[in-house]
Amino acid sequence: MQPARRTNPFSESVIRAQTRLAQRFGAINLAQGFPDFDPPAFMSEALSAVIARGGRHQYAITWGAPEFRTSLARKIGRQTEFEIDADRELTVTCGSTEAMLACLMSVLDPGDRLAVFSPFSRS
């Protein structure tokens, strides 16, 4: 099965390209969070303390940390008087571009037309 044609313009992430450059030139690779050396002892001790307390030490799931989405849903609910299901109706993105792209790709099919209005006026 081939990916959808609409994904053709997408290239690999800058992070992966940086990883390849680091490997090519023998540089320390911090691009993907996989350094090729052990952390200093004080950092390992601090991480151990966080783990012992049950603290967060991993990336959140793609659509946002559950506790954050739940809190955000409550806040939106208070402000709008709508009940928001954080697991089914709320996604947290890394920025507005990611959010707009996810929204548009979820409702538009190839061949659909979209009108985009500029958020400014020229005088």
PDB file of N, CA and C in Angstrom:
ATOM      1  N   MET A   1       0.840  -1.183   0.000  1.00  0.00           N
ATOM      2  CA  MET A   1       0.000   0.000   0.000  1.00  0.00           C
ATOM      3  C   MET A   1       0.884   1.243   0.000  1.00  0.00           C
ATOM      4  N   GLN A   2       0.573   2.188  -0.852  1.00  0.00           N
ATOM      5  CA  GLN A   2       1.329   3.426  -0.979  1.00  0.00           C
ATOM      6  C   GLN A   2       0.701   4.521  -0.124  1.00  0.00           C
ATOM      7  N   PRO A   3       1.518   5.446   0.384  1.00  0.00           N
ATOM      8  CA  PRO A   3       0.942   6.592   1.115  1.00  0.00           C
ATOM      9  C   PRO A   3       0.080   7.440   0.188  1.00  0.00           C
ATOM     10  N   ALA A   4      -0.815   8.202   0.763  1.00  0.00           N
ATOM     11  CA  ALA A   4      -1.661   9.106  -0.011  1.00  0.00           C
ATOM     12  C   ALA A   4      -0.797  10.083  -0.793  1.00  0.00           C
ATOM     13  N   ARG A   5      -1.217  10.413  -2.021  1.00  0.00           N
ATOM     14  CA  ARG A   5      -0.449  11.342  -2.857  1.00  0.00           C
ATOM     15  C   ARG A   5      -0.268  12.698  -2.185  1.00  0.00           C
ATOM     16  N   ARG A   6      -1.240  13.072  -1.367  1.00  0.00           N
ATOM     17  CA  ARG A   6      -1.139  14.394  -0.749  1.00  0.00           C
ATOM     18  C   ARG A   6       0.028  14.491   0.232  1.00  0.00           C
ATOM     19  N   THR A   7       0.625  13.353   0.593  1.00  0.00           N
ATOM     20  CA  THR A   7       1.778  13.391   1.501  1.00  0.00           C
ATOM     21  C   THR A   7       3.097  13.555   0.752  1.00  0.00           C
ATOM     22  N   ASN A   8       3.085  13.528  -0.585  1.00  0.00           N
ATOM     23  CA  ASN A   8       4.320  13.641  -1.366  1.00  0.00           C
ATOM     24  C   ASN A   8       5.153  14.882  -1.046  1.00  0.00           C
ATOM     25  N   PRO A   9       4.540  16.050  -0.799  1.00  0.00           N
ATOM     26  CA  PRO A   9       5.369  17.227  -0.513  1.00  0.00           C
ATOM     27  C   PRO A   9       6.123  17.166   0.824  1.00  0.00           C
ATOM     28  N   PHE A  10       5.707  16.263   1.709  1.00  0.00           N
ATOM     29  CA  PHE A  10       6.343  16.198   3.017  1.00  0.00           C
ATOM     30  C   PHE A  10       7.691  15.502   2.907  1.00  0.00           C
ATOM     31  N   SER A  11       8.659  16.046   3.575  1.00  0.00           N
ATOM     32  CA  SER A  11       9.982  15.422   3.619  1.00  0.00           C
ATOM     33  C   SER A  11      10.234  14.918   5.035  1.00  0.00           C
ATOM     34  N   GLU A  12      11.363  14.277   5.198  1.00  0.00           N
ATOM     35  CA  GLU A  12      11.675  13.789   6.534  1.00  0.00           C
ATOM     36  C   GLU A  12      11.867  14.962   7.489  1.00  0.00           C
ATOM     37  N   SER A  13      11.834  14.675   8.766  1.00  0.00           N
ATOM     38  CA  SER A  13      11.969  15.735   9.754  1.00  0.00           C
ATOM     39  C   SER A  13      13.397  16.275   9.792  1.00  0.00           C
ATOM     40  N   VAL A  14      13.500  17.514  10.199  1.00  0.00           N
ATOM     41  CA  VAL A  14      14.805  18.149  10.352  1.00  0.00           C
ATOM     42  C   VAL A  14      15.633  17.381  11.383  1.00  0.00           C
ATOM     43  N   ILE A  15      14.972  16.822  12.383  1.00  0.00           N
ATOM     44  CA  ILE A  15      15.673  16.081  13.433  1.00  0.00           C
ATOM     45  C   ILE A  15      16.426  14.893  12.844  1.00  0.00           C
ATOM     46  N   ARG A  16      15.780  14.153  11.950  1.00  0.00           N
ATOM     47  CA  ARG A  16      16.457  13.002  11.331  1.00  0.00           C
ATOM     48  C   ARG A  16      17.621  13.448  10.450  1.00  0.00           C
ATOM     49  N   ALA A  17      17.426  14.534   9.733  1.00  0.00           N
ATOM     50  CA  ALA A  17      18.515  15.060   8.902  1.00  0.00           C
ATOM     51  C   ALA A  17      19.701  15.465   9.779  1.00  0.00           C
ATOM     52  N   GLN A  18      19.417  16.078  10.931  1.00  0.00           N
ATOM     53  CA  GLN A  18      20.485  16.463  11.856  1.00  0.00           C
ATOM     54  C   GLN A  18      21.213  15.235  12.391  1.00  0.00           C
ATOM     55  N   THR A  19      20.476  14.169  12.636  1.00  0.00           N
ATOM     56  CA  THR A  19      21.093  12.930  13.114  1.00  0.00           C
ATOM     57  C   THR A  19      22.069  12.389  12.079  1.00  0.00           C
ATOM     58  N   ARG A  20      21.652  12.383  10.810  1.00  0.00           N
ATOM     59  CA  ARG A  20      22.542  11.906   9.752  1.00  0.00           C
ATOM     60  C   ARG A  20      23.792  12.777   9.637  1.00  0.00           C
ATOM     61  N   LEU A  21      23.616  14.101   9.769  1.00  0.00           N
ATOM     62  CA  LEU A  21      24.780  14.990   9.722  1.00  0.00           C
ATOM     63  C   LEU A  21      25.732  14.719  10.881  1.00  0.00           C
ATOM     64  N   ALA A  22      25.174  14.523  12.057  1.00  0.00           N
ATOM     65  CA  ALA A  22      26.017  14.224  13.224  1.00  0.00           C
ATOM     66  C   ALA A  22      26.798  12.938  12.998  1.00  0.00           C
ATOM     67  N   GLN A  23      26.147  11.919  12.450  1.00  0.00           N
ATOM     68  CA  GLN A  23      26.839  10.651  12.180  1.00  0.00           C
ATOM     69  C   GLN A  23      27.912  10.840  11.112  1.00  0.00           C
ATOM     70  N   ARG A  24      27.595  11.603  10.097  1.00  0.00           N
ATOM     71  CA  ARG A  24      28.533  11.822   8.993  1.00  0.00           C
ATOM     72  C   ARG A  24      29.817  12.497   9.449  1.00  0.00           C
ATOM     73  N   PHE A  25      29.672  13.481  10.356  1.00  0.00           N
ATOM     74  CA  PHE A  25      30.837  14.254  10.777  1.00  0.00           C
ATOM     75  C   PHE A  25      31.373  13.853  12.154  1.00  0.00           C
ATOM     76  N   GLY A  26      30.817  12.788  12.743  1.00  0.00           N
ATOM     77  CA  GLY A  26      31.286  12.341  14.044  1.00  0.00           C
ATOM     78  C   GLY A  26      30.967  13.320  15.166  1.00  0.00           C
ATOM     79  N   ALA A  27      29.890  14.079  15.013  1.00  0.00           N
ATOM     80  CA  ALA A  27      29.506  15.068  16.026  1.00  0.00           C
ATOM     81  C   ALA A  27      28.676  14.417  17.127  1.00  0.00           C
ATOM     82  N   ILE A  28      28.563  15.089  18.245  1.00  0.00           N
ATOM     83  CA  ILE A  28      27.672  14.634  19.315  1.00  0.00           C
ATOM     84  C   ILE A  28      26.250  14.908  18.860  1.00  0.00           C
ATOM     85  N   ASN A  29      25.427  13.877  18.873  1.00  0.00           N
ATOM     86  CA  ASN A  29      24.060  13.996  18.367  1.00  0.00           C
ATOM     87  C   ASN A  29      23.091  14.243  19.512  1.00  0.00           C
ATOM     88  N   LEU A  30      22.587  15.448  19.590  1.00  0.00           N
ATOM     89  CA  LEU A  30      21.553  15.783  20.565  1.00  0.00           C
ATOM     90  C   LEU A  30      20.202  15.984  19.890  1.00  0.00           C
ATOM     91  N   ALA A  31      20.137  15.793  18.579  1.00  0.00           N
ATOM     92  CA  ALA A  31      18.932  16.089  17.812  1.00  0.00           C
ATOM     93  C   ALA A  31      17.745  15.237  18.219  1.00  0.00           C
ATOM     94  N   GLN A  32      17.943  13.950  18.477  1.00  0.00           N
ATOM     95  CA  GLN A  32      16.828  13.063  18.762  1.00  0.00           C
ATOM     96  C   GLN A  32      16.751  12.662  20.228  1.00  0.00           C
ATOM     97  N   GLY A  33      17.537  13.245  21.041  1.00  0.00           N
ATOM     98  CA  GLY A  33      17.483  12.885  22.449  1.00  0.00           C
ATOM     99  C   GLY A  33      18.191  11.575  22.747  1.00  0.00           C
ATOM    100  N   PHE A  34      19.092  11.164  21.874  1.00  0.00           N
ATOM    101  CA  PHE A  34      19.865   9.944  22.077  1.00  0.00           C
ATOM    102  C   PHE A  34      21.353  10.282  22.104  1.00  0.00           C
ATOM    103  N   PRO A  35      21.829  10.973  23.135  1.00  0.00           N
ATOM    104  CA  PRO A  35      23.255  11.316  23.168  1.00  0.00           C
ATOM    105  C   PRO A  35      24.095  10.052  23.238  1.00  0.00           C
ATOM    106  N   ASP A  36      25.314  10.144  22.717  1.00  0.00           N
ATOM    107  CA  ASP A  36      26.189   8.973  22.701  1.00  0.00           C
ATOM    108  C   ASP A  36      27.172   8.976  23.876  1.00  0.00           C
ATOM    109  N   PHE A  37      26.745   9.568  24.986  1.00  0.00           N
ATOM    110  CA  PHE A  37      27.561   9.572  26.201  1.00  0.00           C
ATOM    111  C   PHE A  37      26.623   9.555  27.403  1.00  0.00           C
ATOM    112  N   ASP A  38      27.126   9.107  28.531  1.00  0.00           N
ATOM    113  CA  ASP A  38      26.318   9.061  29.749  1.00  0.00           C
ATOM    114  C   ASP A  38      26.160  10.466  30.336  1.00  0.00           C
ATOM    115  N   PRO A  39      25.044  10.719  30.995  1.00  0.00           N
ATOM    116  CA  PRO A  39      24.860  12.027  31.617  1.00  0.00           C
ATOM    117  C   PRO A  39      25.755  12.170  32.847  1.00  0.00           C
ATOM    118  N   PRO A  40      26.005  13.407  33.274  1.00  0.00           N
ATOM    119  CA  PRO A  40      26.777  13.607  34.505  1.00  0.00           C
ATOM    120  C   PRO A  40      26.057  12.956  35.692  1.00  0.00           C
ATOM    121  N   ALA A  41      26.799  12.571  36.700  1.00  0.00           N
ATOM    122  CA  ALA A  41      26.242  11.870  37.863  1.00  0.00           C
ATOM    123  C   ALA A  41      25.116  12.669  38.535  1.00  0.00           C
ATOM    124  N   PHE A  42      25.269  14.001  38.655  1.00  0.00           N
ATOM    125  CA  PHE A  42      24.235  14.787  39.334  1.00  0.00           C
ATOM    126  C   PHE A  42      22.900  14.714  38.591  1.00  0.00           C
ATOM    127  N   MET A  43      22.942  14.592  37.262  1.00  0.00           N
ATOM    128  CA  MET A  43      21.707  14.475  36.499  1.00  0.00           C
ATOM    129  C   MET A  43      21.062  13.104  36.710  1.00  0.00           C
ATOM    130  N   SER A  44      21.871  12.073  36.743  1.00  0.00           N
ATOM    131  CA  SER A  44      21.334  10.730  36.998  1.00  0.00           C
ATOM    132  C   SER A  44      20.699  10.655  38.376  1.00  0.00           C
ATOM    133  N   GLU A  45      21.323  11.299  39.351  1.00  0.00           N
ATOM    134  CA  GLU A  45      20.767  11.312  40.709  1.00  0.00           C
ATOM    135  C   GLU A  45      19.441  12.074  40.745  1.00  0.00           C
ATOM    136  N   ALA A  46      19.369  13.197  40.026  1.00  0.00           N
ATOM    137  CA  ALA A  46      18.131  13.974  39.985  1.00  0.00           C
ATOM    138  C   ALA A  46      17.022  13.177  39.302  1.00  0.00           C
ATOM    139  N   LEU A  47      17.348  12.475  38.220  1.00  0.00           N
ATOM    140  CA  LEU A  47      16.358  11.650  37.542  1.00  0.00           C
ATOM    141  C   LEU A  47      15.877  10.523  38.452  1.00  0.00           C
ATOM    142  N   SER A  48      16.788   9.916  39.181  1.00  0.00           N
ATOM    143  CA  SER A  48      16.403   8.857  40.119  1.00  0.00           C
ATOM    144  C   SER A  48      15.418   9.381  41.159  1.00  0.00           C
ATOM    145  N   ALA A  49      15.639  10.596  41.632  1.00  0.00           N
ATOM    146  CA  ALA A  49      14.726  11.193  42.615  1.00  0.00           C
ATOM    147  C   ALA A  49      13.345  11.430  41.998  1.00  0.00           C
ATOM    148  N   VAL A  50      13.310  11.889  40.749  1.00  0.00           N
ATOM    149  CA  VAL A  50      12.035  12.119  40.067  1.00  0.00           C
ATOM    150  C   VAL A  50      11.297  10.793  39.894  1.00  0.00           C
ATOM    151  N   ILE A  51      12.009   9.768  39.459  1.00  0.00           N
ATOM    152  CA  ILE A  51      11.380   8.459  39.253  1.00  0.00           C
ATOM    153  C   ILE A  51      10.855   7.903  40.575  1.00  0.00           C
ATOM    154  N   ALA A  52      11.617   8.062  41.641  1.00  0.00           N
ATOM    155  CA  ALA A  52      11.190   7.559  42.949  1.00  0.00           C
ATOM    156  C   ALA A  52       9.898   8.230  43.419  1.00  0.00           C
ATOM    157  N   ARG A  53       9.701   9.499  43.047  1.00  0.00           N
ATOM    158  CA  ARG A  53       8.478  10.222  43.416  1.00  0.00           C
ATOM    159  C   ARG A  53       7.340   9.954  42.442  1.00  0.00           C
ATOM    160  N   GLY A  54       7.611   9.226  41.375  1.00  0.00           N
ATOM    161  CA  GLY A  54       6.585   8.969  40.378  1.00  0.00           C
ATOM    162  C   GLY A  54       6.410  10.116  39.404  1.00  0.00           C
ATOM    163  N   GLY A  55       7.439  10.958  39.278  1.00  0.00           N
ATOM    164  CA  GLY A  55       7.351  12.114  38.391  1.00  0.00           C
ATOM    165  C   GLY A  55       7.471  11.748  36.928  1.00  0.00           C
ATOM    166  N   ARG A  56       7.169  12.697  36.080  1.00  0.00           N
ATOM    167  CA  ARG A  56       7.219  12.495  34.633  1.00  0.00           C
ATOM    168  C   ARG A  56       8.652  12.586  34.136  1.00  0.00           C
ATOM    169  N   HIS A  57       9.018  11.642  33.275  1.00  0.00           N
ATOM    170  CA  HIS A  57      10.365  11.649  32.726  1.00  0.00           C
ATOM    171  C   HIS A  57      10.411  11.127  31.301  1.00  0.00           C
ATOM    172  N   GLN A  58       9.261  11.025  30.636  1.00  0.00           N
ATOM    173  CA  GLN A  58       9.191  10.575  29.252  1.00  0.00           C
ATOM    174  C   GLN A  58       8.398  11.582  28.433  1.00  0.00           C
ATOM    175  N   TYR A  59       8.519  11.485  27.111  1.00  0.00           N
ATOM    176  CA  TYR A  59       7.693  12.311  26.240  1.00  0.00           C
ATOM    177  C   TYR A  59       6.228  11.960  26.468  1.00  0.00           C
ATOM    178  N   ALA A  60       5.368  12.922  26.287  1.00  0.00           N
ATOM    179  CA  ALA A  60       3.929  12.679  26.376  1.00  0.00           C
ATOM    180  C   ALA A  60       3.473  11.964  25.110  1.00  0.00           C
ATOM    181  N   ILE A  61       2.276  11.397  25.149  1.00  0.00           N
ATOM    182  CA  ILE A  61       1.715  10.795  23.948  1.00  0.00           C
ATOM    183  C   ILE A  61       1.499  11.872  22.901  1.00  0.00           C
ATOM    184  N   THR A  62       1.382  11.478  21.657  1.00  0.00           N
ATOM    185  CA  THR A  62       1.346  12.407  20.530  1.00  0.00           C
ATOM    186  C   THR A  62       0.293  13.497  20.666  1.00  0.00           C
ATOM    187  N   TRP A  63      -0.872  13.183  21.178  1.00  0.00           N
ATOM    188  CA  TRP A  63      -1.963  14.162  21.232  1.00  0.00           C
ATOM    189  C   TRP A  63      -2.005  14.920  22.550  1.00  0.00           C
ATOM    190  N   GLY A  64      -0.955  14.809  23.368  1.00  0.00           N
ATOM    191  CA  GLY A  64      -0.853  15.607  24.588  1.00  0.00           C
ATOM    192  C   GLY A  64      -0.963  14.776  25.851  1.00  0.00           C
ATOM    193  N   ALA A  65      -0.281  15.193  26.887  1.00  0.00           N
ATOM    194  CA  ALA A  65      -0.295  14.486  28.169  1.00  0.00           C
ATOM    195  C   ALA A  65      -1.726  14.430  28.714  1.00  0.00           C
ATOM    196  N   PRO A  66      -2.173  13.256  29.158  1.00  0.00           N
ATOM    197  CA  PRO A  66      -3.558  13.107  29.625  1.00  0.00           C
ATOM    198  C   PRO A  66      -3.954  14.100  30.722  1.00  0.00           C
ATOM    199  N   GLU A  67      -3.082  14.310  31.704  1.00  0.00           N
ATOM    200  CA  GLU A  67      -3.417  15.229  32.794  1.00  0.00           C
ATOM    201  C   GLU A  67      -3.584  16.652  32.283  1.00  0.00           C
ATOM    202  N   PHE A  68      -2.741  17.041  31.336  1.00  0.00           N
ATOM    203  CA  PHE A  68      -2.835  18.385  30.767  1.00  0.00           C
ATOM    204  C   PHE A  68      -4.138  18.537  29.990  1.00  0.00           C
ATOM    205  N   ARG A  69      -4.463  17.545  29.142  1.00  0.00           N
ATOM    206  CA  ARG A  69      -5.694  17.623  28.362  1.00  0.00           C
ATOM    207  C   ARG A  69      -6.920  17.640  29.265  1.00  0.00           C
ATOM    208  N   THR A  70      -6.908  16.864  30.345  1.00  0.00           N
ATOM    209  CA  THR A  70      -8.029  16.849  31.279  1.00  0.00           C
ATOM    210  C   THR A  70      -8.204  18.216  31.934  1.00  0.00           C
ATOM    211  N   SER A  71      -7.105  18.802  32.375  1.00  0.00           N
ATOM    212  CA  SER A  71      -7.168  20.143  32.983  1.00  0.00           C
ATOM    213  C   SER A  71      -7.642  21.180  31.976  1.00  0.00           C
ATOM    214  N   LEU A  72      -7.147  21.086  30.759  1.00  0.00           N
ATOM    215  CA  LEU A  72      -7.547  22.022  29.715  1.00  0.00           C
ATOM    216  C   LEU A  72      -9.035  21.866  29.389  1.00  0.00           C
ATOM    217  N   ALA A  73      -9.521  20.631  29.342  1.00  0.00           N
ATOM    218  CA  ALA A  73     -10.950  20.394  29.070  1.00  0.00           C
ATOM    219  C   ALA A  73     -11.811  21.016  30.167  1.00  0.00           C
ATOM    220  N   ARG A  74     -11.380  20.886  31.421  1.00  0.00           N
ATOM    221  CA  ARG A  74     -12.134  21.509  32.534  1.00  0.00           C
ATOM    222  C   ARG A  74     -12.166  23.024  32.384  1.00  0.00           C
ATOM    223  N   LYS A  75     -11.016  23.611  32.042  1.00  0.00           N
ATOM    224  CA  LYS A  75     -10.953  25.071  31.876  1.00  0.00           C
ATOM    225  C   LYS A  75     -11.860  25.519  30.728  1.00  0.00           C
ATOM    226  N   ILE A  76     -11.782  24.835  29.596  1.00  0.00           N
ATOM    227  CA  ILE A  76     -12.637  25.185  28.463  1.00  0.00           C
ATOM    228  C   ILE A  76     -14.102  25.036  28.861  1.00  0.00           C
ATOM    229  N   GLY A  77     -14.416  23.983  29.610  1.00  0.00           N
ATOM    230  CA  GLY A  77     -15.786  23.762  30.063  1.00  0.00           C
ATOM    231  C   GLY A  77     -16.302  24.885  30.945  1.00  0.00           C
ATOM    232  N   ARG A  78     -15.453  25.358  31.851  1.00  0.00           N
ATOM    233  CA  ARG A  78     -15.852  26.475  32.717  1.00  0.00           C
ATOM    234  C   ARG A  78     -16.106  27.737  31.904  1.00  0.00           C
ATOM    235  N   GLN A  79     -15.275  27.972  30.912  1.00  0.00           N
ATOM    236  CA  GLN A  79     -15.390  29.200  30.124  1.00  0.00           C
ATOM    237  C   GLN A  79     -16.524  29.157  29.104  1.00  0.00           C
ATOM    238  N   THR A  80     -16.826  27.973  28.589  1.00  0.00           N
ATOM    239  CA  THR A  80     -17.815  27.879  27.508  1.00  0.00           C
ATOM    240  C   THR A  80     -19.123  27.231  27.934  1.00  0.00           C
ATOM    241  N   GLU A  81     -19.127  26.624  29.118  1.00  0.00           N
ATOM    242  CA  GLU A  81     -20.275  25.864  29.621  1.00  0.00           C
ATOM    243  C   GLU A  81     -20.599  24.660  28.739  1.00  0.00           C
ATOM    244  N   PHE A  82     -19.596  24.150  28.020  1.00  0.00           N
ATOM    245  CA  PHE A  82     -19.718  22.908  27.254  1.00  0.00           C
ATOM    246  C   PHE A  82     -18.901  21.841  27.952  1.00  0.00           C
ATOM    247  N   GLU A  83     -19.395  20.631  27.955  1.00  0.00           N
ATOM    248  CA  GLU A  83     -18.631  19.523  28.519  1.00  0.00           C
ATOM    249  C   GLU A  83     -17.704  18.980  27.437  1.00  0.00           C
ATOM    250  N   ILE A  84     -16.417  18.950  27.709  1.00  0.00           N
ATOM    251  CA  ILE A  84     -15.412  18.512  26.749  1.00  0.00           C
ATOM    252  C   ILE A  84     -14.854  17.169  27.197  1.00  0.00           C
ATOM    253  N   ASP A  85     -14.844  16.193  26.298  1.00  0.00           N
ATOM    254  CA  ASP A  85     -14.230  14.891  26.568  1.00  0.00           C
ATOM    255  C   ASP A  85     -12.767  14.982  26.160  1.00  0.00           C
ATOM    256  N   ALA A  86     -11.885  15.044  27.123  1.00  0.00           N
ATOM    257  CA  ALA A  86     -10.463  15.258  26.847  1.00  0.00           C
ATOM    258  C   ALA A  86      -9.857  14.141  26.007  1.00  0.00           C
ATOM    259  N   ASP A  87     -10.370  12.926  26.129  1.00  0.00           N
ATOM    260  CA  ASP A  87      -9.812  11.805  25.375  1.00  0.00           C
ATOM    261  C   ASP A  87     -10.329  11.735  23.944  1.00  0.00           C
ATOM    262  N   ARG A  88     -11.528  12.218  23.696  1.00  0.00           N
ATOM    263  CA  ARG A  88     -12.111  12.109  22.359  1.00  0.00           C
ATOM    264  C   ARG A  88     -12.177  13.427  21.609  1.00  0.00           C
ATOM    265  N   GLU A  89     -12.131  14.546  22.297  1.00  0.00           N
ATOM    266  CA  GLU A  89     -12.403  15.822  21.656  1.00  0.00           C
ATOM    267  C   GLU A  89     -11.294  16.865  21.797  1.00  0.00           C
ATOM    268  N   LEU A  90     -10.163  16.482  22.336  1.00  0.00           N
ATOM    269  CA  LEU A  90      -9.120  17.472  22.590  1.00  0.00           C
ATOM    270  C   LEU A  90      -7.759  16.913  22.201  1.00  0.00           C
ATOM    271  N   THR A  91      -7.060  17.663  21.367  1.00  0.00           N
ATOM    272  CA  THR A  91      -5.698  17.318  20.969  1.00  0.00           C
ATOM    273  C   THR A  91      -4.826  18.534  21.215  1.00  0.00           C
ATOM    274  N   VAL A  92      -3.674  18.319  21.793  1.00  0.00           N
ATOM    275  CA  VAL A  92      -2.713  19.389  22.026  1.00  0.00           C
ATOM    276  C   VAL A  92      -1.635  19.264  20.957  1.00  0.00           C
ATOM    277  N   THR A  93      -1.314  20.355  20.295  1.00  0.00           N
ATOM    278  CA  THR A  93      -0.289  20.333  19.252  1.00  0.00           C
ATOM    279  C   THR A  93       0.912  21.163  19.674  1.00  0.00           C
ATOM    280  N   CYS A  94       1.972  21.031  18.906  1.00  0.00           N
ATOM    281  CA  CYS A  94       3.199  21.772  19.205  1.00  0.00           C
ATOM    282  C   CYS A  94       3.143  23.212  18.720  1.00  0.00           C
ATOM    283  N   GLY A  95       2.157  23.547  17.951  1.00  0.00           N
ATOM    284  CA  GLY A  95       2.044  24.910  17.460  1.00  0.00           C
ATOM    285  C   GLY A  95       0.847  25.059  16.549  1.00  0.00           C
ATOM    286  N   SER A  96       0.601  26.282  16.118  1.00  0.00           N
ATOM    287  CA  SER A  96      -0.585  26.554  15.313  1.00  0.00           C
ATOM    288  C   SER A  96      -0.511  25.916  13.933  1.00  0.00           C
ATOM    289  N   THR A  97       0.664  25.845  13.330  1.00  0.00           N
ATOM    290  CA  THR A  97       0.787  25.238  12.009  1.00  0.00           C
ATOM    291  C   THR A  97       0.404  23.770  12.056  1.00  0.00           C
ATOM    292  N   GLU A  98       0.895  23.055  13.059  1.00  0.00           N
ATOM    293  CA  GLU A  98       0.540  21.643  13.216  1.00  0.00           C
ATOM    294  C   GLU A  98      -0.959  21.493  13.437  1.00  0.00           C
ATOM    295  N   ALA A  99      -1.537  22.349  14.240  1.00  0.00           N
ATOM    296  CA  ALA A  99      -2.971  22.277  14.516  1.00  0.00           C
ATOM    297  C   ALA A  99      -3.782  22.520  13.246  1.00  0.00           C
ATOM    298  N   MET A 100      -3.419  23.552  12.488  1.00  0.00           N
ATOM    299  CA  MET A 100      -4.166  23.846  11.259  1.00  0.00           C
ATOM    300  C   MET A 100      -4.038  22.709  10.254  1.00  0.00           C
ATOM    301  N   LEU A 101      -2.851  22.177  10.084  1.00  0.00           N
ATOM    302  CA  LEU A 101      -2.645  21.088   9.138  1.00  0.00           C
ATOM    303  C   LEU A 101      -3.442  19.851   9.547  1.00  0.00           C
ATOM    304  N   ALA A 102      -3.425  19.499  10.819  1.00  0.00           N
ATOM    305  CA  ALA A 102      -4.185  18.336  11.295  1.00  0.00           C
ATOM    306  C   ALA A 102      -5.676  18.531  11.052  1.00  0.00           C
ATOM    307  N   CYS A 103      -6.177  19.726  11.337  1.00  0.00           N
ATOM    308  CA  CYS A 103      -7.607  20.008  11.105  1.00  0.00           C
ATOM    309  C   CYS A 103      -7.959  19.925   9.633  1.00  0.00           C
ATOM    310  N   LEU A 104      -7.167  20.562   8.798  1.00  0.00           N
ATOM    311  CA  LEU A 104      -7.475  20.576   7.370  1.00  0.00           C
ATOM    312  C   LEU A 104      -7.376  19.188   6.758  1.00  0.00           C
ATOM    313  N   MET A 105      -6.360  18.428   7.126  1.00  0.00           N
ATOM    314  CA  MET A 105      -6.208  17.094   6.558  1.00  0.00           C
ATOM    315  C   MET A 105      -7.298  16.137   7.035  1.00  0.00           C
ATOM    316  N   SER A 106      -7.921  16.455   8.158  1.00  0.00           N
ATOM    317  CA  SER A 106      -8.974  15.567   8.656  1.00  0.00           C
ATOM    318  C   SER A 106     -10.319  15.819   7.987  1.00  0.00           C
ATOM    319  N   VAL A 107     -10.507  16.972   7.358  1.00  0.00           N
ATOM    320  CA  VAL A 107     -11.810  17.268   6.764  1.00  0.00           C
ATOM    321  C   VAL A 107     -11.775  17.485   5.251  1.00  0.00           C
ATOM    322  N   LEU A 108     -10.583  17.676   4.669  1.00  0.00           N
ATOM    323  CA  LEU A 108     -10.487  17.929   3.238  1.00  0.00           C
ATOM    324  C   LEU A 108      -9.988  16.690   2.500  1.00  0.00           C
ATOM    325  N   ASP A 109     -10.542  16.474   1.331  1.00  0.00           N
ATOM    326  CA  ASP A 109     -10.088  15.406   0.454  1.00  0.00           C
ATOM    327  C   ASP A 109      -9.386  16.031  -0.738  1.00  0.00           C
ATOM    328  N   PRO A 110      -8.517  15.258  -1.416  1.00  0.00           N
ATOM    329  CA  PRO A 110      -7.881  15.788  -2.622  1.00  0.00           C
ATOM    330  C   PRO A 110      -8.945  16.287  -3.602  1.00  0.00           C
ATOM    331  N   GLY A 111      -8.712  17.478  -4.140  1.00  0.00           N
ATOM    332  CA  GLY A 111      -9.661  18.074  -5.068  1.00  0.00           C
ATOM    333  C   GLY A 111     -10.608  19.069  -4.418  1.00  0.00           C
ATOM    334  N   ASP A 112     -10.757  19.006  -3.088  1.00  0.00           N
ATOM    335  CA  ASP A 112     -11.595  19.980  -2.390  1.00  0.00           C
ATOM    336  C   ASP A 112     -10.963  21.359  -2.503  1.00  0.00           C
ATOM    337  N   ARG A 113     -11.788  22.373  -2.381  1.00  0.00           N
ATOM    338  CA  ARG A 113     -11.294  23.746  -2.420  1.00  0.00           C
ATOM    339  C   ARG A 113     -11.446  24.379  -1.047  1.00  0.00           C
ATOM    340  N   LEU A 114     -10.533  25.266  -0.748  1.00  0.00           N
ATOM    341  CA  LEU A 114     -10.525  25.936   0.545  1.00  0.00           C
ATOM    342  C   LEU A 114     -10.215  27.408   0.329  1.00  0.00           C
ATOM    343  N   ALA A 115     -11.007  28.264   0.922  1.00  0.00           N
ATOM    344  CA  ALA A 115     -10.732  29.700   0.877  1.00  0.00           C
ATOM    345  C   ALA A 115      -9.976  30.072   2.152  1.00  0.00           C
ATOM    346  N   VAL A 116      -8.845  30.732   1.986  1.00  0.00           N
ATOM    347  CA  VAL A 116      -8.037  31.158   3.126  1.00  0.00           C
ATOM    348  C   VAL A 116      -7.983  32.675   3.121  1.00  0.00           C
ATOM    349  N   PHE A 117      -8.422  33.273   4.207  1.00  0.00           N
ATOM    350  CA  PHE A 117      -8.434  34.723   4.321  1.00  0.00           C
ATOM    351  C   PHE A 117      -7.199  35.174   5.084  1.00  0.00           C
ATOM    352  N   SER A 118      -6.586  36.223   4.631  1.00  0.00           N
ATOM    353  CA  SER A 118      -5.412  36.758   5.320  1.00  0.00           C
ATOM    354  C   SER A 118      -5.847  37.347   6.656  1.00  0.00           C
ATOM    355  N   PRO A 119      -5.031  37.151   7.686  1.00  0.00           N
ATOM    356  CA  PRO A 119      -5.406  37.704   8.998  1.00  0.00           C
ATOM    357  C   PRO A 119      -4.984  39.161   9.152  1.00  0.00           C
ATOM    358  N   PHE A 120      -4.817  39.854   8.054  1.00  0.00           N
ATOM    359  CA  PHE A 120      -4.402  41.251   8.117  1.00  0.00           C
ATOM    360  C   PHE A 120      -4.994  41.986   6.935  1.00  0.00           C
ATOM    361  N   SER A 121      -4.937  43.305   6.988  1.00  0.00           N
ATOM    362  CA  SER A 121      -5.406  44.099   5.846  1.00  0.00           C
ATOM    363  C   SER A 121      -4.263  44.991   5.379  1.00  0.00           C
ATOM    364  N   ARG A 122      -4.247  45.231   4.121  1.00  0.00           N
ATOM    365  CA  ARG A 122      -3.231  46.131   3.562  1.00  0.00           C
ATOM    366  C   ARG A 122      -3.832  47.511   3.402  1.00  0.00           C
ATOM    367  N   SER A 123      -3.127  48.523   3.866  1.00  0.00           N
ATOM    368  CA  SER A 123      -3.677  49.874   3.733  1.00  0.00           C
ATOM    369  C   SER A 123      -2.757  50.731   2.915  1.00  0.00           C
TER     370      SER A 123
END
